N, C-alpha and C. Protein backbone atom coordinates (compact mmCIF):
# COMPACT_ATOMS: atom_id res chain seq x y z
N MET A 1 -164.35 -26.80 165.95
CA MET A 1 -164.27 -27.85 164.96
C MET A 1 -165.65 -28.50 164.80
N ASN A 2 -165.97 -28.81 163.56
CA ASN A 2 -167.24 -29.47 163.34
C ASN A 2 -167.05 -30.99 163.34
N LYS A 3 -168.14 -31.72 163.11
CA LYS A 3 -168.10 -33.18 163.20
C LYS A 3 -167.20 -33.82 162.15
N LYS A 4 -167.18 -33.27 160.95
CA LYS A 4 -166.34 -33.83 159.90
C LYS A 4 -164.86 -33.72 160.25
N GLN A 5 -164.47 -32.59 160.81
CA GLN A 5 -163.07 -32.38 161.18
C GLN A 5 -162.67 -33.32 162.32
N LYS A 6 -163.55 -33.48 163.30
CA LYS A 6 -163.26 -34.38 164.42
C LYS A 6 -163.14 -35.82 163.93
N LEU A 7 -164.03 -36.23 163.03
CA LEU A 7 -163.98 -37.58 162.49
C LEU A 7 -162.71 -37.80 161.67
N LEU A 8 -162.30 -36.79 160.94
CA LEU A 8 -161.09 -36.88 160.14
C LEU A 8 -159.85 -37.04 161.02
N ILE A 9 -159.75 -36.26 162.07
CA ILE A 9 -158.61 -36.36 162.98
C ILE A 9 -158.62 -37.70 163.72
N LEU A 10 -159.79 -38.16 164.11
CA LEU A 10 -159.90 -39.45 164.78
C LEU A 10 -159.48 -40.59 163.85
N THR A 11 -159.91 -40.54 162.61
CA THR A 11 -159.54 -41.58 161.64
C THR A 11 -158.04 -41.59 161.38
N GLY A 12 -157.45 -40.42 161.18
CA GLY A 12 -156.00 -40.35 160.98
C GLY A 12 -155.23 -40.86 162.18
N SER A 13 -155.69 -40.53 163.36
CA SER A 13 -155.02 -40.98 164.59
C SER A 13 -155.12 -42.50 164.74
N ILE A 14 -156.26 -43.06 164.42
CA ILE A 14 -156.45 -44.50 164.52
C ILE A 14 -155.54 -45.24 163.54
N ILE A 15 -155.38 -44.71 162.33
CA ILE A 15 -154.49 -45.35 161.35
C ILE A 15 -153.05 -45.33 161.85
N VAL A 16 -152.61 -44.21 162.39
CA VAL A 16 -151.23 -44.11 162.90
C VAL A 16 -151.02 -45.04 164.09
N ILE A 17 -151.95 -45.04 165.03
CA ILE A 17 -151.84 -45.90 166.22
C ILE A 17 -151.88 -47.37 165.83
N ALA A 18 -152.74 -47.73 164.89
CA ALA A 18 -152.83 -49.12 164.44
C ALA A 18 -151.55 -49.57 163.76
N SER A 19 -150.95 -48.72 162.95
CA SER A 19 -149.72 -49.12 162.28
C SER A 19 -148.57 -49.32 163.28
N PHE A 20 -148.49 -48.48 164.30
CA PHE A 20 -147.46 -48.66 165.32
C PHE A 20 -147.75 -49.88 166.19
N ALA A 21 -149.03 -50.18 166.44
CA ALA A 21 -149.38 -51.38 167.22
C ALA A 21 -149.01 -52.64 166.45
N ILE A 22 -149.27 -52.66 165.15
CA ILE A 22 -148.90 -53.82 164.33
C ILE A 22 -147.38 -53.99 164.34
N TRP A 23 -146.65 -52.89 164.21
CA TRP A 23 -145.19 -52.96 164.25
C TRP A 23 -144.70 -53.49 165.60
N PHE A 24 -145.30 -53.01 166.67
CA PHE A 24 -144.89 -53.41 168.02
C PHE A 24 -145.12 -54.91 168.23
N PHE A 25 -146.30 -55.40 167.84
CA PHE A 25 -146.63 -56.80 168.06
C PHE A 25 -146.00 -57.73 167.03
N SER A 26 -145.41 -57.18 165.98
CA SER A 26 -144.71 -58.01 164.99
C SER A 26 -143.24 -58.21 165.35
N GLY A 27 -142.78 -57.62 166.42
CA GLY A 27 -141.42 -57.84 166.86
C GLY A 27 -140.52 -56.64 166.78
N MET A 28 -141.03 -55.49 166.43
CA MET A 28 -140.30 -54.23 166.38
C MET A 28 -139.01 -54.31 165.54
N GLU A 29 -139.12 -54.90 164.37
CA GLU A 29 -137.98 -54.95 163.44
C GLU A 29 -137.78 -53.58 162.81
N MET A 30 -136.55 -53.26 162.48
CA MET A 30 -136.26 -51.96 161.87
C MET A 30 -136.67 -51.91 160.40
N LEU A 31 -136.42 -53.00 159.66
CA LEU A 31 -136.71 -53.03 158.24
C LEU A 31 -137.71 -54.14 157.92
N THR A 32 -138.59 -53.87 156.98
CA THR A 32 -139.55 -54.86 156.53
C THR A 32 -138.82 -55.90 155.68
N HIS A 33 -139.10 -57.17 155.92
CA HIS A 33 -138.46 -58.22 155.14
C HIS A 33 -139.27 -59.51 155.22
N TYR A 34 -138.85 -60.47 154.42
CA TYR A 34 -139.41 -61.81 154.45
C TYR A 34 -138.39 -62.73 155.10
N THR A 35 -138.85 -63.60 156.00
CA THR A 35 -137.98 -64.54 156.67
C THR A 35 -138.35 -65.95 156.23
N PRO A 36 -137.37 -66.76 155.86
CA PRO A 36 -137.70 -68.14 155.49
C PRO A 36 -138.19 -68.92 156.71
N LYS A 37 -139.23 -69.68 156.51
CA LYS A 37 -139.83 -70.45 157.58
C LYS A 37 -139.80 -71.92 157.14
N MET A 38 -139.13 -72.76 157.90
CA MET A 38 -139.00 -74.17 157.52
C MET A 38 -140.34 -74.88 157.63
N ASN A 39 -140.60 -75.69 156.63
CA ASN A 39 -141.79 -76.52 156.64
C ASN A 39 -141.42 -77.81 157.36
N GLY A 40 -142.12 -78.14 158.41
CA GLY A 40 -141.79 -79.30 159.23
C GLY A 40 -142.07 -80.63 158.56
N LYS A 41 -142.79 -80.65 157.47
CA LYS A 41 -143.17 -81.91 156.84
C LYS A 41 -142.00 -82.59 156.14
N SER A 42 -141.21 -81.84 155.41
CA SER A 42 -140.11 -82.48 154.68
C SER A 42 -138.83 -81.66 154.84
N LYS A 43 -138.03 -82.06 155.78
CA LYS A 43 -136.77 -81.36 156.01
C LYS A 43 -135.71 -81.77 154.99
N LEU A 44 -135.89 -82.94 154.37
CA LEU A 44 -134.92 -83.38 153.37
C LEU A 44 -134.97 -82.52 152.12
N LEU A 45 -136.16 -82.10 151.73
CA LEU A 45 -136.31 -81.29 150.53
C LEU A 45 -136.08 -79.81 150.79
N SER A 46 -136.00 -79.44 152.04
CA SER A 46 -135.78 -78.05 152.45
C SER A 46 -136.82 -77.10 151.86
N LEU A 47 -138.07 -77.53 151.89
CA LEU A 47 -139.13 -76.64 151.42
C LEU A 47 -139.35 -75.54 152.45
N THR A 48 -139.27 -74.32 152.00
CA THR A 48 -139.43 -73.20 152.92
C THR A 48 -140.60 -72.33 152.47
N GLU A 49 -141.20 -71.72 153.43
CA GLU A 49 -142.21 -70.70 153.18
C GLU A 49 -141.64 -69.38 153.66
N GLU A 50 -142.12 -68.30 153.09
CA GLU A 50 -141.63 -66.99 153.53
C GLU A 50 -142.66 -66.34 154.44
N GLU A 51 -142.19 -65.81 155.53
CA GLU A 51 -143.05 -65.12 156.49
C GLU A 51 -142.77 -63.63 156.40
N PHE A 52 -143.83 -62.83 156.28
CA PHE A 52 -143.69 -61.38 156.17
C PHE A 52 -143.46 -60.78 157.55
N ILE A 53 -142.41 -59.98 157.69
CA ILE A 53 -142.09 -59.30 158.95
C ILE A 53 -142.30 -57.80 158.74
N TRP A 54 -143.22 -57.24 159.49
CA TRP A 54 -143.55 -55.82 159.41
C TRP A 54 -142.44 -55.01 160.06
N GLY A 55 -141.94 -53.99 159.37
CA GLY A 55 -140.83 -53.20 159.89
C GLY A 55 -141.21 -51.76 160.17
N LEU A 56 -140.28 -51.06 160.80
CA LEU A 56 -140.48 -49.66 161.14
C LEU A 56 -140.58 -48.79 159.89
N ASP A 57 -139.86 -49.16 158.83
CA ASP A 57 -139.92 -48.37 157.61
C ASP A 57 -141.32 -48.36 157.01
N LEU A 58 -141.99 -49.49 156.99
CA LEU A 58 -143.36 -49.56 156.48
C LEU A 58 -144.31 -48.79 157.40
N THR A 59 -144.07 -48.88 158.70
CA THR A 59 -144.89 -48.15 159.67
C THR A 59 -144.78 -46.65 159.45
N LEU A 60 -143.57 -46.16 159.24
CA LEU A 60 -143.37 -44.72 159.03
C LEU A 60 -143.96 -44.24 157.71
N ILE A 61 -143.90 -45.08 156.68
CA ILE A 61 -144.50 -44.70 155.39
C ILE A 61 -146.01 -44.60 155.51
N ILE A 62 -146.63 -45.58 156.16
CA ILE A 62 -148.09 -45.56 156.33
C ILE A 62 -148.51 -44.39 157.21
N SER A 63 -147.79 -44.16 158.30
CA SER A 63 -148.13 -43.06 159.20
C SER A 63 -147.94 -41.71 158.52
N GLY A 64 -146.86 -41.55 157.78
CA GLY A 64 -146.62 -40.29 157.07
C GLY A 64 -147.68 -40.02 156.02
N ALA A 65 -148.05 -41.05 155.26
CA ALA A 65 -149.09 -40.89 154.24
C ALA A 65 -150.42 -40.54 154.89
N ALA A 66 -150.74 -41.19 156.00
CA ALA A 66 -151.99 -40.90 156.70
C ALA A 66 -152.01 -39.46 157.22
N LEU A 67 -150.88 -39.01 157.75
CA LEU A 67 -150.81 -37.64 158.26
C LEU A 67 -150.88 -36.61 157.14
N LEU A 68 -150.23 -36.90 156.01
CA LEU A 68 -150.30 -35.97 154.87
C LEU A 68 -151.72 -35.85 154.33
N VAL A 69 -152.37 -36.98 154.14
CA VAL A 69 -153.74 -36.96 153.61
C VAL A 69 -154.68 -36.29 154.60
N THR A 70 -154.53 -36.63 155.88
CA THR A 70 -155.38 -36.02 156.91
C THR A 70 -155.17 -34.51 156.97
N GLY A 71 -153.92 -34.08 156.93
CA GLY A 71 -153.63 -32.64 156.96
C GLY A 71 -154.17 -31.91 155.75
N TYR A 72 -154.04 -32.53 154.57
CA TYR A 72 -154.53 -31.91 153.35
C TYR A 72 -156.06 -31.77 153.37
N VAL A 73 -156.74 -32.84 153.74
CA VAL A 73 -158.21 -32.79 153.77
C VAL A 73 -158.69 -31.85 154.87
N TYR A 74 -158.01 -31.84 156.02
CA TYR A 74 -158.38 -30.92 157.10
C TYR A 74 -158.23 -29.47 156.65
N ASN A 75 -157.16 -29.20 155.92
CA ASN A 75 -156.93 -27.84 155.41
C ASN A 75 -158.04 -27.44 154.43
N LYS A 76 -158.45 -28.38 153.59
CA LYS A 76 -159.54 -28.10 152.64
C LYS A 76 -160.86 -27.88 153.37
N LEU A 77 -161.10 -28.63 154.45
CA LEU A 77 -162.35 -28.47 155.20
C LEU A 77 -162.41 -27.14 155.95
N THR A 78 -161.24 -26.66 156.41
CA THR A 78 -161.26 -25.40 157.15
C THR A 78 -161.46 -24.20 156.23
N LYS A 79 -161.12 -24.34 154.95
CA LYS A 79 -161.29 -23.24 154.00
C LYS A 79 -162.71 -23.14 153.48
N LEU A 80 -163.52 -24.18 153.71
CA LEU A 80 -164.90 -24.13 153.22
C LEU A 80 -165.77 -23.21 154.03
C-alpha cells in the first residue's frame, strides 16, 4: 500500500471511531431525537429548549457512508 491508501484508511477509521465515541458519550441512545430541556428562569411560562441527543441510527449512517466512500476511493486508487 502506498501513502495515499494508508491515509485514506486511517481517515475512514478515524471517522467511524469518532462517530461511535460521540454516540457512547452522548448516552448510547438507540434513536436520534430532541429532548425538551426546562429553562430554570421561568417555570411559570414553561419555556423549554430542545437538546439534541445523538443516536445509534445517526452513528450507523455516518459510519456506513464513511465506509462506502472510503471503499470506493480505495478501489479507484488500486486501479491506478
